Amino acid sequence: MEEVKDWGSGGETPSRDFFEICQPGTHLAGQAKNRRHKMLNDLIIFKKSYDFSKWLFNHTNKFPKSHRFSVAVKIENGMLEFLRCITVANHRKQKLPLLRTADEELISLRIYFRLSHDF
């Protein structure tokens, strides 16, 4: 195995990729694999919400003009805020406050969806 130079201070680039250095069975390789797996699991809610928001933005364009600039804008802004909350929560250790905010956004979105269904 090649010796890896200290590249943090000298501006040199590493001679190998991180995952090539961490051979299977080593402690660092296991941590990298667990981190990738955890990130994929954490992002499931983001992926589904992102897909739903793409569909939603196409659908709010079809709202009647009288409601497009009131209810549709609130729905779009609420969905964007929800996506922001779950994205930021995914990168924090203390996820609960942001997930509560995201839950509050969902409560508002349910009301807006119910209103949009009625007209």
Protein backbone atom coordinates (compact mmCIF):
# COMPACT_ATOMS: atom_id res chain seq x y z
CA MET A 1 0.00 0.00 0.00
CA GLU A 2 1.35 3.44 -0.94
CA GLU A 3 2.20 5.96 1.71
CA VAL A 4 -0.24 8.87 1.77
CA LYS A 5 1.37 12.31 2.14
CA ASP A 6 0.07 14.95 4.48
CA TRP A 7 -1.88 17.05 1.98
CA GLY A 8 -3.80 19.25 4.40
CA SER A 9 -1.23 22.05 4.69
CA GLY A 10 1.05 21.75 1.67
CA GLY A 11 -1.60 22.18 -1.01
CA GLU A 12 -0.81 18.77 -2.54
CA THR A 13 -3.63 16.50 -3.57
CA PRO A 14 -3.95 12.99 -2.18
CA SER A 15 -2.53 10.21 -4.32
CA ARG A 16 -5.58 7.99 -3.82
CA ASP A 17 -9.28 8.39 -3.34
CA PHE A 18 -10.60 8.06 0.22
CA PHE A 19 -12.48 4.86 -0.53
CA GLU A 20 -9.42 3.25 -2.11
CA ILE A 21 -7.36 4.00 1.01
CA CYS A 22 -9.97 2.53 3.34
CA GLN A 23 -9.74 -1.10 2.38
CA PRO A 24 -12.70 -3.33 3.26
CA GLY A 25 -12.49 -4.64 6.79
CA THR A 26 -10.79 -1.56 8.23
CA HIS A 27 -12.49 0.66 10.78
CA LEU A 28 -12.55 3.70 8.45
CA ALA A 29 -14.06 1.72 5.58
CA GLY A 30 -16.91 0.60 7.83
CA GLN A 31 -17.56 4.17 8.97
CA ALA A 32 -17.65 5.46 5.38
CA LYS A 33 -20.06 2.71 4.33
CA ASN A 34 -22.34 3.35 7.32
CA ARG A 35 -22.32 7.11 6.64
CA ARG A 36 -23.32 6.62 2.99
CA HIS A 37 -26.07 4.19 3.99
CA LYS A 38 -27.37 6.54 6.70
CA MET A 39 -27.45 9.50 4.31
CA LEU A 40 -29.49 7.53 1.79
CA ASN A 41 -32.00 6.51 4.47
CA ASP A 42 -32.28 10.07 5.78
CA LEU A 43 -32.99 11.44 2.33
CA ILE A 44 -35.99 9.23 1.52
CA ILE A 45 -38.40 11.85 2.87
CA PHE A 46 -36.59 14.53 0.87
CA LYS A 47 -36.75 12.55 -2.37
CA LYS A 48 -40.47 11.88 -2.01
CA SER A 49 -41.21 15.45 -0.97
CA TYR A 50 -39.13 16.82 -3.84
CA ASP A 51 -40.99 14.69 -6.38
CA PHE A 52 -44.31 15.73 -4.89
CA SER A 53 -43.33 19.41 -4.99
CA LYS A 54 -42.42 19.16 -8.69
CA TRP A 55 -45.86 17.71 -9.38
CA LEU A 56 -47.46 20.31 -7.14
CA PHE A 57 -45.82 23.29 -8.85
CA ASN A 58 -47.07 22.06 -12.22
CA HIS A 59 -50.55 21.62 -10.76
CA THR A 60 -50.76 25.04 -9.07
CA ASN A 61 -50.20 26.68 -12.45
CA LYS A 62 -53.59 25.27 -13.45
CA PHE A 63 -55.45 26.95 -10.58
CA PRO A 64 -58.10 29.52 -11.57
CA LYS A 65 -56.60 32.98 -11.85
CA SER A 66 -58.62 34.22 -8.87
CA HIS A 67 -56.94 31.63 -6.60
CA ARG A 68 -53.54 31.33 -8.27
CA PHE A 69 -52.10 34.34 -6.48
CA SER A 70 -53.55 33.58 -3.06
CA VAL A 71 -53.92 29.90 -2.20
CA ALA A 72 -51.46 28.64 -4.84
CA VAL A 73 -48.69 30.94 -3.62
CA LYS A 74 -49.26 29.85 -0.01
CA ILE A 75 -49.11 26.19 -1.07
CA GLU A 76 -45.90 26.72 -3.04
CA ASN A 77 -44.24 28.69 -0.23
CA GLY A 78 -45.32 26.14 2.37
CA MET A 79 -43.91 23.29 0.30
CA LEU A 80 -40.61 25.14 -0.15
CA GLU A 81 -40.41 25.79 3.59
CA PHE A 82 -41.13 22.13 4.31
CA LEU A 83 -38.32 21.05 1.97
CA ARG A 84 -35.97 23.55 3.60
CA CYS A 85 -36.77 22.28 7.09
CA ILE A 86 -36.18 18.61 6.29
CA THR A 87 -33.00 19.41 4.35
CA VAL A 88 -31.50 21.43 7.19
CA ALA A 89 -32.68 18.89 9.79
CA ASN A 90 -30.90 16.16 7.85
CA HIS A 91 -27.57 17.90 8.49
CA ARG A 92 -28.07 18.68 12.19
CA LYS A 93 -27.67 16.59 15.28
CA GLN A 94 -30.68 18.26 16.94
CA LYS A 95 -33.28 17.42 14.29
CA LEU A 96 -36.40 17.64 16.45
CA PRO A 97 -37.00 21.45 16.40
CA LEU A 98 -36.79 21.61 12.61
CA LEU A 99 -38.90 18.50 12.17
CA ARG A 100 -41.55 20.08 14.38
CA THR A 101 -41.48 23.16 12.16
CA ALA A 102 -41.82 20.90 9.11
CA ASP A 103 -44.81 19.20 10.76
CA GLU A 104 -46.42 22.60 11.34
CA GLU A 105 -45.94 23.39 7.65
CA LEU A 106 -47.67 20.12 6.76
CA ILE A 107 -50.65 21.06 8.92
CA SER A 108 -50.96 24.36 7.05
CA LEU A 109 -50.51 22.62 3.70
CA ARG A 110 -53.35 20.22 4.48
CA ILE A 111 -55.67 23.16 5.07
CA TYR A 112 -54.56 24.83 1.83
CA PHE A 113 -55.04 21.57 -0.09
CA ARG A 114 -58.53 21.21 1.33
CA LEU A 115 -59.33 24.81 0.29
CA SER A 116 -57.96 24.25 -3.20
CA HIS A 117 -60.07 21.13 -3.59
CA ASP A 118 -63.23 23.04 -2.75
CA PHE A 119 -62.94 25.58 -5.58
